[in-house]
């Protein structure tokens, strides 16, 4: 009986310790992904194609708020060149992080103001977004994105 209780106590301690380690590991990973997610938003605001090339997977694809599925790497660069992506402000607020092996899903909201000849220029637009970051060859890369405009009531 005592040996059974000892085994149970050791198992509970080990499970608690593993859980604490997972929480610590997830917190560090959350900070890294948050930094990357915000760097992506900043690169979009600055229309910085070189930084975007470093953050995006080759096969990155977005369900874009222009109501099109966009192959992110070249499609997003074309939208930047065409002036469709041109913002005077762009703020992203990550709200939730979901952790999977070699994948982190980020959900949140964005507030932006299109500029120049971009659709909606001068208006404040609010969107919901989901970004999926995947670890590929040792690097976290934005692989799938969904963004949609929040309809006004």
N, C-alpha and C. Protein backbone atom coordinates (compact mmCIF):
# COMPACT_ATOMS: atom_id res chain seq x y z
N UNK A 1 0.83 -1.19 0.00
CA UNK A 1 0.00 0.00 0.00
C UNK A 1 0.87 1.25 0.00
N UNK A 2 1.92 1.24 0.88
CA UNK A 2 2.80 2.40 0.93
C UNK A 2 3.54 2.59 -0.38
N UNK A 3 3.95 1.48 -1.00
CA UNK A 3 4.67 1.60 -2.27
C UNK A 3 3.74 2.13 -3.36
N UNK A 4 2.47 1.76 -3.32
CA UNK A 4 1.51 2.26 -4.29
C UNK A 4 1.32 3.76 -4.12
N UNK A 5 1.20 4.22 -2.88
CA UNK A 5 1.05 5.65 -2.61
C UNK A 5 2.30 6.40 -3.04
N UNK A 6 3.46 5.83 -2.84
CA UNK A 6 4.72 6.46 -3.25
C UNK A 6 4.76 6.60 -4.77
N UNK A 7 4.37 5.57 -5.48
CA UNK A 7 4.36 5.61 -6.95
C UNK A 7 3.38 6.69 -7.43
N UNK A 8 2.21 6.76 -6.83
CA UNK A 8 1.22 7.78 -7.20
C UNK A 8 1.78 9.17 -6.94
N UNK A 9 2.40 9.37 -5.79
CA UNK A 9 2.97 10.68 -5.44
C UNK A 9 4.06 11.08 -6.44
N UNK A 10 4.92 10.14 -6.80
CA UNK A 10 5.99 10.43 -7.77
C UNK A 10 5.39 10.78 -9.13
N UNK A 11 4.36 10.07 -9.55
CA UNK A 11 3.71 10.35 -10.83
C UNK A 11 3.07 11.73 -10.84
N UNK A 12 2.40 12.08 -9.75
CA UNK A 12 1.77 13.40 -9.65
C UNK A 12 2.83 14.49 -9.68
N UNK A 13 3.93 14.31 -8.95
CA UNK A 13 5.02 15.28 -8.94
C UNK A 13 5.62 15.43 -10.34
N UNK A 14 5.86 14.32 -11.00
CA UNK A 14 6.46 14.34 -12.34
C UNK A 14 5.53 15.03 -13.33
N UNK A 15 4.24 14.76 -13.25
CA UNK A 15 3.27 15.39 -14.14
C UNK A 15 3.23 16.89 -13.89
N UNK A 16 3.24 17.29 -12.65
CA UNK A 16 3.24 18.71 -12.31
C UNK A 16 4.50 19.40 -12.78
N UNK A 17 5.63 18.75 -12.63
CA UNK A 17 6.91 19.30 -13.07
C UNK A 17 6.95 19.44 -14.59
N UNK A 18 6.48 18.42 -15.30
CA UNK A 18 6.44 18.48 -16.76
C UNK A 18 5.51 19.59 -17.22
N UNK A 19 4.37 19.73 -16.53
CA UNK A 19 3.42 20.78 -16.88
C UNK A 19 4.03 22.16 -16.68
N UNK A 20 4.78 22.35 -15.61
CA UNK A 20 5.44 23.63 -15.35
C UNK A 20 6.50 23.91 -16.41
N UNK A 21 7.22 22.86 -16.83
CA UNK A 21 8.22 23.04 -17.87
C UNK A 21 7.56 23.40 -19.20
N UNK A 22 6.43 22.74 -19.52
CA UNK A 22 5.70 23.05 -20.74
C UNK A 22 5.22 24.50 -20.72
N UNK A 23 4.70 24.95 -19.58
CA UNK A 23 4.21 26.32 -19.46
C UNK A 23 5.35 27.32 -19.67
N UNK A 24 6.50 27.02 -19.11
CA UNK A 24 7.67 27.90 -19.26
C UNK A 24 8.13 27.93 -20.71
N UNK A 25 8.18 26.75 -21.33
CA UNK A 25 8.58 26.64 -22.73
C UNK A 25 7.57 27.38 -23.62
N UNK A 26 6.28 27.22 -23.36
CA UNK A 26 5.25 27.90 -24.15
C UNK A 26 5.33 29.41 -23.98
N UNK A 27 5.66 29.88 -22.78
CA UNK A 27 5.77 31.33 -22.54
C UNK A 27 6.91 31.91 -23.37
N UNK A 28 8.06 31.22 -23.40
CA UNK A 28 9.19 31.68 -24.21
C UNK A 28 8.83 31.64 -25.70
N UNK A 29 8.17 30.58 -26.13
CA UNK A 29 7.76 30.46 -27.52
C UNK A 29 6.72 31.53 -27.87
N UNK A 30 5.80 31.79 -26.96
CA UNK A 30 4.81 32.85 -27.18
C UNK A 30 5.50 34.19 -27.40
N UNK A 31 6.51 34.49 -26.60
CA UNK A 31 7.23 35.76 -26.76
C UNK A 31 7.92 35.82 -28.13
N UNK A 32 8.52 34.71 -28.55
CA UNK A 32 9.19 34.67 -29.85
C UNK A 32 8.20 34.86 -31.00
N UNK A 33 7.09 34.15 -30.94
CA UNK A 33 6.09 34.24 -32.01
C UNK A 33 5.42 35.62 -32.00
N UNK A 34 5.17 36.17 -30.82
CA UNK A 34 4.60 37.52 -30.73
C UNK A 34 5.53 38.52 -31.42
N UNK A 35 6.85 38.39 -31.17
CA UNK A 35 7.82 39.28 -31.79
C UNK A 35 7.77 39.14 -33.31
N UNK A 36 7.72 37.91 -33.81
CA UNK A 36 7.65 37.67 -35.26
C UNK A 36 6.34 38.20 -35.85
N UNK A 37 5.24 37.97 -35.14
CA UNK A 37 3.92 38.40 -35.62
C UNK A 37 3.88 39.92 -35.75
N UNK A 38 4.43 40.61 -34.76
CA UNK A 38 4.45 42.08 -34.80
C UNK A 38 5.46 42.59 -35.83
N UNK A 39 6.55 41.85 -36.04
CA UNK A 39 7.52 42.22 -37.08
C UNK A 39 6.86 42.11 -38.46
N UNK A 40 6.02 41.10 -38.64
CA UNK A 40 5.28 40.96 -39.91
C UNK A 40 4.37 42.17 -40.12
N UNK A 41 3.63 42.57 -39.09
CA UNK A 41 2.75 43.73 -39.21
C UNK A 41 3.55 44.99 -39.53
N UNK A 42 4.69 45.16 -38.88
CA UNK A 42 5.53 46.33 -39.13
C UNK A 42 6.06 46.32 -40.56
N UNK A 43 6.46 45.15 -41.05
CA UNK A 43 6.95 45.05 -42.43
C UNK A 43 5.84 45.38 -43.43
N UNK A 44 4.61 44.97 -43.13
CA UNK A 44 3.48 45.31 -43.99
C UNK A 44 3.28 46.83 -43.99
N UNK A 45 3.29 47.44 -42.81
CA UNK A 45 3.12 48.89 -42.71
C UNK A 45 4.19 49.62 -43.51
N UNK A 46 5.44 49.18 -43.39
CA UNK A 46 6.56 49.85 -44.08
C UNK A 46 6.71 49.38 -45.53
N UNK A 47 5.89 48.37 -45.92
CA UNK A 47 5.95 47.81 -47.27
C UNK A 47 7.36 47.28 -47.55
N UNK A 48 7.91 46.62 -46.53
CA UNK A 48 9.29 46.13 -46.53
C UNK A 48 9.34 44.70 -47.07
N UNK A 49 9.49 44.57 -48.37
CA UNK A 49 9.47 43.28 -49.04
C UNK A 49 10.63 42.40 -48.56
N UNK A 50 11.80 42.97 -48.34
CA UNK A 50 12.96 42.17 -47.92
C UNK A 50 12.71 41.50 -46.57
N UNK A 51 12.13 42.22 -45.62
CA UNK A 51 11.80 41.62 -44.32
C UNK A 51 10.71 40.58 -44.48
N UNK A 52 9.72 40.86 -45.29
CA UNK A 52 8.64 39.88 -45.52
C UNK A 52 9.18 38.59 -46.11
N UNK A 53 10.16 38.68 -46.99
CA UNK A 53 10.77 37.47 -47.56
C UNK A 53 11.38 36.59 -46.47
N UNK A 54 11.89 37.20 -45.41
CA UNK A 54 12.50 36.45 -44.30
C UNK A 54 11.45 35.83 -43.38
N UNK A 55 10.26 36.43 -43.33
CA UNK A 55 9.22 35.99 -42.40
C UNK A 55 8.23 35.00 -43.01
N UNK A 56 8.14 34.97 -44.33
CA UNK A 56 7.11 34.18 -45.00
C UNK A 56 7.68 32.88 -45.57
N UNK A 57 6.94 31.80 -45.36
CA UNK A 57 7.28 30.52 -46.00
C UNK A 57 7.07 30.66 -47.51
N UNK A 58 7.81 29.87 -48.27
CA UNK A 58 7.67 29.91 -49.74
C UNK A 58 6.23 29.68 -50.17
N UNK A 59 5.53 28.77 -49.48
CA UNK A 59 4.17 28.42 -49.87
C UNK A 59 3.10 29.21 -49.11
N UNK A 60 3.52 30.28 -48.41
CA UNK A 60 2.57 31.06 -47.60
C UNK A 60 1.37 31.48 -48.43
N UNK A 61 0.19 31.32 -47.81
CA UNK A 61 -1.07 31.63 -48.49
C UNK A 61 -1.98 32.37 -47.51
N UNK A 62 -2.70 33.37 -48.04
CA UNK A 62 -3.60 34.16 -47.21
C UNK A 62 -5.01 34.15 -47.78
N UNK A 63 -5.98 33.96 -46.90
CA UNK A 63 -7.37 34.25 -47.24
C UNK A 63 -7.49 35.75 -46.97
N UNK A 64 -7.30 36.55 -48.00
CA UNK A 64 -7.07 37.99 -47.89
C UNK A 64 -8.38 38.77 -47.78
N UNK A 65 -8.35 39.92 -47.08
CA UNK A 65 -9.57 40.72 -46.96
C UNK A 65 -10.05 41.33 -48.28
N UNK A 66 -9.28 41.17 -49.35
CA UNK A 66 -9.75 41.60 -50.68
C UNK A 66 -10.66 40.54 -51.29
N UNK A 67 -11.02 39.53 -50.48
CA UNK A 67 -11.88 38.42 -50.89
C UNK A 67 -11.23 37.51 -51.93
N UNK A 68 -9.92 37.39 -51.82
CA UNK A 68 -9.17 36.50 -52.70
C UNK A 68 -8.23 35.66 -51.86
N UNK A 69 -7.93 34.47 -52.35
CA UNK A 69 -6.88 33.67 -51.76
C UNK A 69 -5.59 34.10 -52.47
N UNK A 70 -4.64 34.57 -51.68
CA UNK A 70 -3.41 35.14 -52.23
C UNK A 70 -2.23 34.27 -51.84
N UNK A 71 -1.46 33.84 -52.85
CA UNK A 71 -0.19 33.18 -52.58
C UNK A 71 0.71 34.28 -52.03
N UNK A 72 0.96 34.22 -50.75
CA UNK A 72 1.54 35.33 -50.00
C UNK A 72 2.85 35.86 -50.57
N UNK A 73 3.81 35.01 -50.84
CA UNK A 73 5.14 35.52 -51.21
C UNK A 73 5.07 36.46 -52.40
N UNK A 74 4.58 36.01 -53.52
CA UNK A 74 4.53 36.90 -54.68
C UNK A 74 3.24 37.71 -54.72
N UNK A 75 2.15 37.11 -54.27
CA UNK A 75 0.88 37.82 -54.29
C UNK A 75 0.87 39.05 -53.42
N UNK A 76 1.43 38.93 -52.22
CA UNK A 76 1.45 40.07 -51.30
C UNK A 76 2.39 41.15 -51.84
N UNK A 77 3.50 40.72 -52.46
CA UNK A 77 4.44 41.69 -53.02
C UNK A 77 3.79 42.44 -54.18
N UNK A 78 2.97 41.74 -54.96
CA UNK A 78 2.25 42.40 -56.06
C UNK A 78 1.23 43.39 -55.53
N UNK A 79 0.53 43.03 -54.44
CA UNK A 79 -0.44 43.96 -53.84
C UNK A 79 0.27 45.19 -53.29
N UNK A 80 1.48 45.02 -52.79
CA UNK A 80 2.26 46.17 -52.31
C UNK A 80 2.65 47.04 -53.50
N UNK A 81 3.19 46.42 -54.57
CA UNK A 81 3.61 47.18 -55.76
C UNK A 81 2.42 47.92 -56.39
N UNK A 82 1.24 47.30 -56.36
CA UNK A 82 0.05 47.90 -56.97
C UNK A 82 -0.59 48.97 -56.07
N UNK A 83 -0.11 49.12 -54.84
CA UNK A 83 -0.65 50.12 -53.94
C UNK A 83 -1.90 49.69 -53.19
N UNK A 84 -2.32 48.43 -53.36
CA UNK A 84 -3.49 47.92 -52.63
C UNK A 84 -3.14 47.81 -51.15
N UNK A 85 -1.91 47.37 -50.87
CA UNK A 85 -1.41 47.36 -49.49
C UNK A 85 -0.55 48.60 -49.33
N UNK A 86 -1.13 49.61 -48.70
CA UNK A 86 -0.47 50.88 -48.47
C UNK A 86 -1.19 51.52 -47.29
N UNK A 87 -0.57 51.48 -46.12
CA UNK A 87 -1.24 51.94 -44.90
C UNK A 87 -0.47 53.08 -44.25
N UNK A 88 -1.23 54.06 -43.74
CA UNK A 88 -0.60 55.12 -42.95
C UNK A 88 -0.47 54.69 -41.50
N UNK A 89 -1.27 53.70 -41.10
CA UNK A 89 -1.14 53.11 -39.76
C UNK A 89 -1.57 51.65 -39.83
N UNK A 90 -0.96 50.85 -38.97
CA UNK A 90 -1.29 49.42 -38.91
C UNK A 90 -0.89 48.93 -37.53
N UNK A 91 -1.87 48.58 -36.73
CA UNK A 91 -1.60 48.07 -35.37
C UNK A 91 -2.20 46.68 -35.26
N UNK A 92 -1.41 45.75 -34.74
CA UNK A 92 -1.86 44.36 -34.57
C UNK A 92 -1.81 44.03 -33.09
N UNK A 93 -2.86 43.37 -32.62
CA UNK A 93 -2.94 42.94 -31.22
C UNK A 93 -3.16 41.43 -31.16
N UNK A 94 -2.10 40.65 -30.95
CA UNK A 94 -2.30 39.22 -30.75
C UNK A 94 -3.06 38.97 -29.45
N UNK A 95 -4.04 38.08 -29.48
CA UNK A 95 -4.86 37.81 -28.30
C UNK A 95 -4.72 36.39 -27.78
N UNK A 96 -4.56 35.43 -28.68
CA UNK A 96 -4.51 34.03 -28.26
C UNK A 96 -3.42 33.30 -29.03
N UNK A 97 -2.75 32.39 -28.33
CA UNK A 97 -1.70 31.57 -28.91
C UNK A 97 -2.04 30.11 -28.64
N UNK A 98 -2.06 29.30 -29.68
CA UNK A 98 -2.32 27.87 -29.55
C UNK A 98 -1.08 27.14 -30.02
N UNK A 99 -0.58 26.22 -29.20
CA UNK A 99 0.69 25.55 -29.45
C UNK A 99 0.48 24.11 -29.90
N UNK A 100 1.15 23.75 -30.99
CA UNK A 100 1.14 22.40 -31.53
C UNK A 100 2.59 22.06 -31.90
N UNK A 101 2.88 20.80 -32.12
CA UNK A 101 4.25 20.46 -32.52
C UNK A 101 4.62 21.20 -33.83
N UNK A 102 5.66 22.00 -33.76
CA UNK A 102 6.17 22.76 -34.92
C UNK A 102 5.16 23.72 -35.53
N UNK A 103 4.16 24.15 -34.75
CA UNK A 103 3.16 25.07 -35.26
C UNK A 103 2.58 25.89 -34.11
N UNK A 104 2.41 27.19 -34.35
CA UNK A 104 1.74 28.07 -33.39
C UNK A 104 0.68 28.86 -34.15
N UNK A 105 -0.54 28.85 -33.64
CA UNK A 105 -1.63 29.61 -34.21
C UNK A 105 -1.83 30.86 -33.36
N UNK A 106 -1.86 32.02 -34.03
CA UNK A 106 -2.06 33.30 -33.35
C UNK A 106 -3.38 33.88 -33.84
N UNK A 107 -4.22 34.32 -32.90
CA UNK A 107 -5.49 34.96 -33.24
C UNK A 107 -5.54 36.31 -32.56
N UNK A 108 -6.09 37.30 -33.26
CA UNK A 108 -6.17 38.63 -32.67
C UNK A 108 -6.92 39.58 -33.58
N UNK A 109 -6.63 40.88 -33.37
CA UNK A 109 -7.28 41.90 -34.19
C UNK A 109 -6.26 42.92 -34.68
N UNK A 110 -6.65 43.60 -35.75
CA UNK A 110 -5.81 44.62 -36.37
C UNK A 110 -6.64 45.86 -36.63
N UNK A 111 -6.00 47.02 -36.49
CA UNK A 111 -6.63 48.29 -36.84
C UNK A 111 -5.69 48.99 -37.80
N UNK A 112 -6.22 49.40 -38.94
CA UNK A 112 -5.35 50.01 -39.94
C UNK A 112 -6.07 51.13 -40.67
N UNK A 113 -5.25 51.99 -41.29
CA UNK A 113 -5.78 53.08 -42.11
C UNK A 113 -5.09 53.02 -43.46
N UNK A 114 -5.82 52.65 -44.52
CA UNK A 114 -5.24 52.66 -45.85
C UNK A 114 -4.86 54.09 -46.27
N UNK A 115 -3.83 54.18 -47.12
CA UNK A 115 -3.34 55.48 -47.59
C UNK A 115 -3.27 55.48 -49.11
N UNK A 116 -2.97 56.65 -49.66
CA UNK A 116 -2.78 56.78 -51.11
C UNK A 116 -4.02 56.38 -51.88
N UNK A 117 -3.82 55.53 -52.89
CA UNK A 117 -4.93 55.06 -53.73
C UNK A 117 -5.48 53.72 -53.27
N UNK A 118 -5.05 53.25 -52.11
CA UNK A 118 -5.52 51.96 -51.60
C UNK A 118 -7.02 52.03 -51.32
N UNK A 119 -7.73 50.92 -51.52
CA UNK A 119 -9.17 50.90 -51.21
C UNK A 119 -9.42 51.32 -49.75
N UNK A 120 -10.39 52.20 -49.54
CA UNK A 120 -10.72 52.66 -48.20
C UNK A 120 -9.76 53.70 -47.64
N UNK A 121 -8.97 54.34 -48.50
CA UNK A 121 -7.96 55.31 -48.04
C UNK A 121 -8.58 56.33 -47.09
N UNK A 122 -7.89 56.55 -45.97
CA UNK A 122 -8.31 57.52 -44.97
C UNK A 122 -9.30 56.99 -43.95
N UNK A 123 -9.85 55.82 -44.17
CA UNK A 123 -10.82 55.24 -43.24
C UNK A 123 -10.11 54.30 -42.26
N UNK A 124 -10.61 54.23 -41.05
CA UNK A 124 -10.10 53.26 -40.08
C UNK A 124 -10.82 51.94 -40.31
N UNK A 125 -10.03 50.89 -40.49
CA UNK A 125 -10.58 49.56 -40.74
C UNK A 125 -10.14 48.64 -39.61
N UNK A 126 -11.10 47.87 -39.11
CA UNK A 126 -10.79 46.89 -38.06
C UNK A 126 -10.97 45.49 -38.64
N UNK A 127 -10.01 44.63 -38.33
CA UNK A 127 -10.04 43.26 -38.85
C UNK A 127 -9.76 42.27 -37.73
N UNK A 128 -10.23 41.05 -37.92
CA UNK A 128 -9.83 39.89 -37.12
C UNK A 128 -8.83 39.13 -37.97
N UNK A 129 -7.87 38.48 -37.31
CA UNK A 129 -6.90 37.71 -38.07
C UNK A 129 -6.51 36.43 -37.35
N UNK A 130 -6.05 35.49 -38.15
CA UNK A 130 -5.46 34.25 -37.67
C UNK A 130 -4.19 34.03 -38.48
N UNK A 131 -3.06 33.91 -37.79
CA UNK A 131 -1.79 33.61 -38.45
C UNK A 131 -1.30 32.26 -37.96
N UNK A 132 -0.82 31.44 -38.88
CA UNK A 132 -0.25 30.14 -38.51
C UNK A 132 1.23 30.16 -38.84
N UNK A 133 2.04 30.06 -37.78
CA UNK A 133 3.49 30.03 -37.88
C UNK A 133 3.93 28.58 -37.77
N UNK A 134 4.78 28.15 -38.71
CA UNK A 134 5.27 26.78 -38.69
C UNK A 134 6.79 26.79 -38.66
N UNK A 135 7.34 25.83 -37.92
CA UNK A 135 8.79 25.72 -37.85
C UNK A 135 9.25 24.86 -39.02
N UNK A 136 10.07 25.48 -39.87
CA UNK A 136 10.57 24.81 -41.08
C UNK A 136 12.08 25.02 -41.13
N UNK A 137 12.82 23.93 -41.15
CA UNK A 137 14.27 23.96 -41.19
C UNK A 137 14.85 24.87 -40.11
N UNK A 138 14.26 24.75 -38.90
CA UNK A 138 14.76 25.48 -37.74
C UNK A 138 14.31 26.92 -37.61
N UNK A 139 13.46 27.41 -38.54
CA UNK A 139 12.98 28.79 -38.49
C UNK A 139 11.47 28.83 -38.42
N UNK A 140 10.94 29.76 -37.64
CA UNK A 140 9.51 29.98 -37.60
C UNK A 140 9.13 30.89 -38.77
N UNK A 141 8.19 30.42 -39.61
CA UNK A 141 7.76 31.16 -40.79
C UNK A 141 6.24 31.25 -40.83
N UNK A 142 5.75 32.42 -41.22
CA UNK A 142 4.32 32.59 -41.40
C UNK A 142 3.92 31.80 -42.65
N UNK A 143 3.01 30.85 -42.46
CA UNK A 143 2.67 29.91 -43.53
C UNK A 143 1.23 30.08 -44.01
N UNK A 144 0.31 30.35 -43.10
CA UNK A 144 -1.10 30.52 -43.45
C UNK A 144 -1.63 31.73 -42.69
N UNK A 145 -2.43 32.54 -43.38
CA UNK A 145 -3.01 33.73 -42.74
C UNK A 145 -4.45 33.89 -43.23
N UNK A 146 -5.28 34.33 -42.32
CA UNK A 146 -6.66 34.70 -42.66
C UNK A 146 -6.92 36.05 -42.00
N UNK A 147 -7.42 36.99 -42.78
CA UNK A 147 -7.80 38.30 -42.22
C UNK A 147 -9.12 38.70 -42.85
N UNK A 148 -10.03 39.19 -42.01
CA UNK A 148 -11.29 39.66 -42.55
C UNK A 148 -11.71 40.94 -41.85
N UNK A 149 -12.38 41.77 -42.60
CA UNK A 149 -12.82 43.06 -42.09
C UNK A 149 -14.03 42.83 -41.18
N UNK A 150 -14.02 43.50 -40.03
CA UNK A 150 -15.14 43.42 -39.11
C UNK A 150 -16.23 44.36 -39.63
N UNK A 151 -17.39 43.81 -39.90
CA UNK A 151 -18.50 44.60 -40.41
C UNK A 151 -19.03 45.53 -39.31
N UNK A 152 -19.37 46.74 -39.69
CA UNK A 152 -19.94 47.67 -38.72
C UNK A 152 -21.42 47.33 -38.52
N UNK A 153 -21.90 47.61 -37.33
CA UNK A 153 -23.31 47.30 -37.01
C UNK A 153 -24.23 48.42 -37.46
